[in-house]
Protein backbone atom coordinates (compact mmCIF):
# COMPACT_ATOMS: atom_id res chain seq x y z
CA MET A 1 2.87 32.73 9.77
CA ARG A 2 5.95 30.58 9.32
CA ASP A 3 8.80 31.37 11.69
CA PRO A 4 11.77 32.59 9.56
CA ARG A 5 14.14 30.77 11.89
CA ILE A 6 12.83 27.47 10.51
CA ASP A 7 14.25 28.12 7.05
CA GLU A 8 17.44 29.47 8.59
CA LEU A 9 17.89 26.29 10.58
CA LEU A 10 16.98 23.99 7.68
CA GLU A 11 19.90 25.47 5.74
CA LYS A 12 22.15 23.67 8.25
CA LEU A 13 20.88 20.20 7.32
CA ASP A 14 24.10 19.22 5.53
CA GLU A 15 26.46 20.95 7.97
CA THR A 16 29.28 18.73 9.25
CA ASP A 17 32.28 19.15 11.54
CA ASP A 18 35.95 18.63 10.69
CA GLN A 19 35.52 14.87 10.99
CA GLY A 20 32.51 14.77 8.65
CA ASN A 21 29.94 14.18 11.39
CA PRO A 22 26.67 16.15 11.49
CA THR A 23 26.89 19.18 13.74
CA ARG A 24 24.46 19.85 16.52
CA ARG A 25 22.68 22.38 14.31
CA ALA A 26 22.37 19.77 11.55
CA GLU A 27 20.80 17.35 14.03
CA MET A 28 18.40 20.06 15.21
CA ALA A 29 17.49 20.83 11.60
CA GLU A 30 16.81 17.14 10.94
CA ARG A 31 14.42 16.96 13.89
CA VAL A 32 12.59 20.10 12.79
CA LYS A 33 12.28 18.73 9.26
CA GLY A 34 10.79 15.51 10.60
CA TYR A 35 8.31 17.40 12.78
CA LEU A 36 7.24 19.61 9.86
CA THR A 37 6.64 16.57 7.65
CA GLU A 38 4.59 14.91 10.38
CA VAL A 39 2.56 18.05 11.05
CA GLU A 40 1.76 18.45 7.35
CA LYS A 41 0.51 14.86 7.21
CA LEU A 42 -1.56 15.26 10.39
CA ARG A 43 -3.19 18.45 9.09
CA ALA A 44 -4.22 16.63 5.91
CA GLU A 45 -5.76 13.87 8.02
CA ILE A 46 -7.63 16.44 10.13
CA GLU A 47 -9.02 18.08 7.00
CA ILE A 48 -10.47 14.75 5.83
CA ALA A 49 -11.77 13.87 9.30
CA THR A 50 -13.38 17.30 9.68
CA ARG A 51 -15.32 16.83 6.43
CA GLN A 52 -16.44 13.44 7.70
CA VAL A 53 -17.61 15.01 10.97
CA VAL A 54 -19.68 17.58 9.06
CA TYR A 55 -21.27 14.87 6.90
CA LEU A 56 -21.96 12.53 9.82
CA THR A 57 -23.43 15.35 11.90
CA GLY A 58 -25.95 16.12 9.16
CA ARG A 59 -26.64 12.44 8.64
CA GLU A 60 -27.26 11.92 12.34
CA GLN A 61 -29.75 14.78 12.46
CA ASP A 62 -31.65 13.46 9.42
CA MET A 63 -31.83 9.98 10.90
CA LYS A 64 -33.14 11.31 14.21
CA ILE A 65 -35.95 13.03 12.32
CA GLN A 66 -36.74 9.80 10.43
CA ILE A 67 -36.86 7.84 13.68
CA GLU A 68 -39.18 10.40 15.24
CA GLU A 69 -41.49 10.05 12.23
CA ARG A 70 -41.41 6.25 12.53
CA ALA A 71 -42.20 6.54 16.22
CA GLU A 72 -45.24 8.69 15.42
CA ASP A 73 -46.40 6.16 12.79
CA ARG A 74 -45.93 3.36 15.28
CA LYS A 75 -47.93 5.20 17.92
CA ALA A 76 -50.74 5.97 15.47
CA LEU A 77 -51.01 2.33 14.35
CA ILE A 78 -51.08 1.04 17.92
CA ASN A 79 -53.89 3.48 18.71
CA ASP A 80 -55.79 2.44 15.59
CA VAL A 81 -55.61 -1.24 16.53
CA GLN A 82 -56.76 -0.51 20.07
CA ASP A 83 -59.63 1.67 18.85
CA ALA A 84 -60.76 -1.06 16.43
CA LYS A 85 -60.71 -3.64 19.21
CA ILE A 86 -62.72 -1.38 21.50
CA GLU A 87 -65.21 -0.73 18.74
CA SER A 88 -65.56 -4.49 18.22
CA VAL A 89 -66.24 -5.02 21.92
CA VAL A 90 -68.81 -2.23 21.98
CA LEU A 91 -70.66 -3.88 19.13
CA ARG A 92 -70.66 -7.13 21.18
CA ALA A 93 -69.71 -9.14 18.17
CA ASP A 94 -66.79 -9.89 15.95
CA GLY A 95 -67.72 -6.76 14.08
CA PRO A 96 -68.28 -6.28 10.41
CA PRO A 97 -65.76 -7.70 7.95
CA SER A 98 -64.48 -4.21 7.22
CA LEU A 99 -63.54 -3.79 10.89
CA GLU A 100 -61.64 -7.08 10.97
CA LYS A 101 -59.77 -6.14 7.80
CA ARG A 102 -58.91 -2.81 9.36
CA ILE A 103 -57.50 -4.49 12.46
CA GLN A 104 -55.51 -7.02 10.42
CA ALA A 105 -54.15 -4.35 8.06
CA SER A 106 -53.11 -2.18 11.00
CA LYS A 107 -51.33 -5.11 12.65
CA GLU A 108 -49.42 -5.95 9.48
CA ARG A 109 -48.47 -2.33 8.99
CA LEU A 110 -47.41 -2.13 12.63
CA VAL A 111 -45.02 -5.06 12.15
CA GLU A 112 -43.43 -3.32 9.16
CA VAL A 113 -43.08 -0.06 11.06
CA GLU A 114 -41.56 -1.88 14.07
CA GLN A 115 -38.97 -3.58 11.86
CA ASP A 116 -38.10 -0.35 10.08
CA PHE A 117 -37.92 1.50 13.40
CA GLU A 118 -35.39 -1.00 14.80
CA TYR A 119 -33.37 -0.87 11.60
CA GLN A 120 -33.23 2.92 11.65
CA ARG A 121 -32.34 2.91 15.34
CA GLU A 122 -29.40 0.55 14.79
CA ARG A 123 -28.17 2.68 11.89
CA LEU A 124 -28.39 5.78 14.06
CA GLU A 125 -26.31 4.11 16.78
CA THR A 126 -23.68 3.20 14.19
CA VAL A 127 -23.56 6.73 12.77
CA THR A 128 -23.42 8.27 16.25
CA GLY A 129 -20.58 5.96 17.26
CA THR A 130 -18.61 6.76 14.11
CA LEU A 131 -19.21 10.48 14.61
CA ARG A 132 -17.90 10.36 18.17
CA ALA A 133 -14.82 8.44 17.05
CA ARG A 134 -14.09 10.99 14.30
CA ARG A 135 -14.46 13.85 16.78
CA ARG A 136 -12.06 12.18 19.20
CA PHE A 137 -9.60 11.63 16.34
CA VAL A 138 -9.73 15.31 15.37
CA LYS A 139 -9.18 16.38 18.99
CA SER A 140 -6.28 13.99 19.62
CA THR A 141 -4.65 14.91 16.29
CA GLN A 142 -4.94 18.60 17.08
CA ASP A 143 -3.26 17.95 20.44
CA LEU A 144 -0.46 16.02 18.71
CA ILE A 145 0.08 18.87 16.24
CA ALA A 146 0.26 21.35 19.11
CA MET A 147 2.85 19.13 20.84
CA ARG A 148 4.97 18.89 17.68
CA MET A 149 4.80 22.64 17.10
CA ASN A 150 5.84 23.20 20.70
CA GLY A 151 8.79 20.86 20.11
CA ILE A 152 9.78 22.88 17.02
CA GLN A 153 9.58 26.08 19.05
CA GLN A 154 11.86 24.67 21.73
CA ILE A 155 14.42 23.65 19.11
CA LEU A 156 14.28 27.11 17.52
CA GLU A 157 14.84 28.73 20.92
CA ALA A 158 17.89 26.53 21.45
CA PHE A 159 19.12 27.41 17.95
CA THR A 160 18.70 31.12 18.66
CA LYS A 161 20.58 30.81 21.95
CA MET A 162 23.36 28.86 20.24
CA SER A 163 23.70 31.53 17.54
CA ALA A 164 23.80 34.28 20.18
CA GLU A 165 26.60 32.51 22.04
CA GLY A 166 28.64 32.23 18.86
CA ASP A 167 28.08 28.48 18.53
CA ARG A 168 30.92 27.56 20.86
CA PRO A 169 30.80 23.75 21.15
CA GLN A 170 31.31 22.31 24.58
CA SER A 171 32.97 18.92 24.54
CA LEU A 172 32.84 16.67 27.53
CA GLU A 173 36.38 15.54 26.71
CA THR A 174 37.82 18.91 27.78
CA THR A 175 36.47 18.46 31.30
CA PRO A 176 38.90 16.64 33.65
CA ARG A 177 37.54 13.35 34.83
CA ASP A 178 38.52 11.07 37.66
CA GLY A 179 40.99 8.51 36.42
CA THR A 180 42.79 10.83 33.96
CA ALA A 181 46.46 11.66 34.19
CA ALA A 182 45.61 14.94 35.92
CA GLY A 183 43.42 13.12 38.39
CA HIS A 184 46.19 10.65 39.17
CA ALA A 185 48.62 13.48 39.67
CA ARG A 186 46.37 15.04 42.29
CA THR A 187 45.77 11.76 44.11
CA ARG A 188 49.28 10.28 43.86
CA LYS A 189 50.55 8.92 47.18
CA VAL A 190 54.16 9.26 48.30
CA ARG A 191 55.68 6.02 49.51
CA ARG A 192 57.97 6.18 52.53
CA VAL A 193 61.08 4.04 52.43
CA ARG A 194 62.26 2.71 55.75
CA VAL A 195 66.04 2.71 56.02
CA ILE A 196 67.62 0.05 58.27
CA ARG A 197 71.15 0.78 59.41
CA ARG A 198 73.52 -2.08 60.21
CA ARG A 199 75.42 -2.11 63.50
CA ARG A 200 79.14 -2.08 63.31
């Protein structure tokens, strides 16, 4: 829920003093306005980043499943090649032509699966890296929004306190400083004049 004091303070944006300078409340209102604009922009960025996180999370899961399937295919082909070689040794010969074709076909298929496996693995690393970056962005942006909202709250508290005190401005010029006329008056030294009398 929006704090009603925000709108109350924003009404003071154009407030000036007798000399036409922005009042303290106008300066506070300008800061709050800037924070609100920034927060609105950051929330829009978080909304986009959150959708990206959801998409990338699903994509990462799908790619992990695909890599697991490729790993199973790779394992099965390696076993098939080894079994064919063992069978050839058992037969104590090069084996029938069908066995050699089986070994060659399995090797070619294994090369394709290996290449696809590496490709999928690299893609998964890219997606995982992007997902982590998006998650960090969402977290850091949320922290920044919280910091800006805390800054707005502090300004509103100061505005409330100022209103309660009747908005009595305190100028540093009303406070006596060293070096002023009043200060000189307090520190003025009295010179003593020595009188010399002549002898008659």
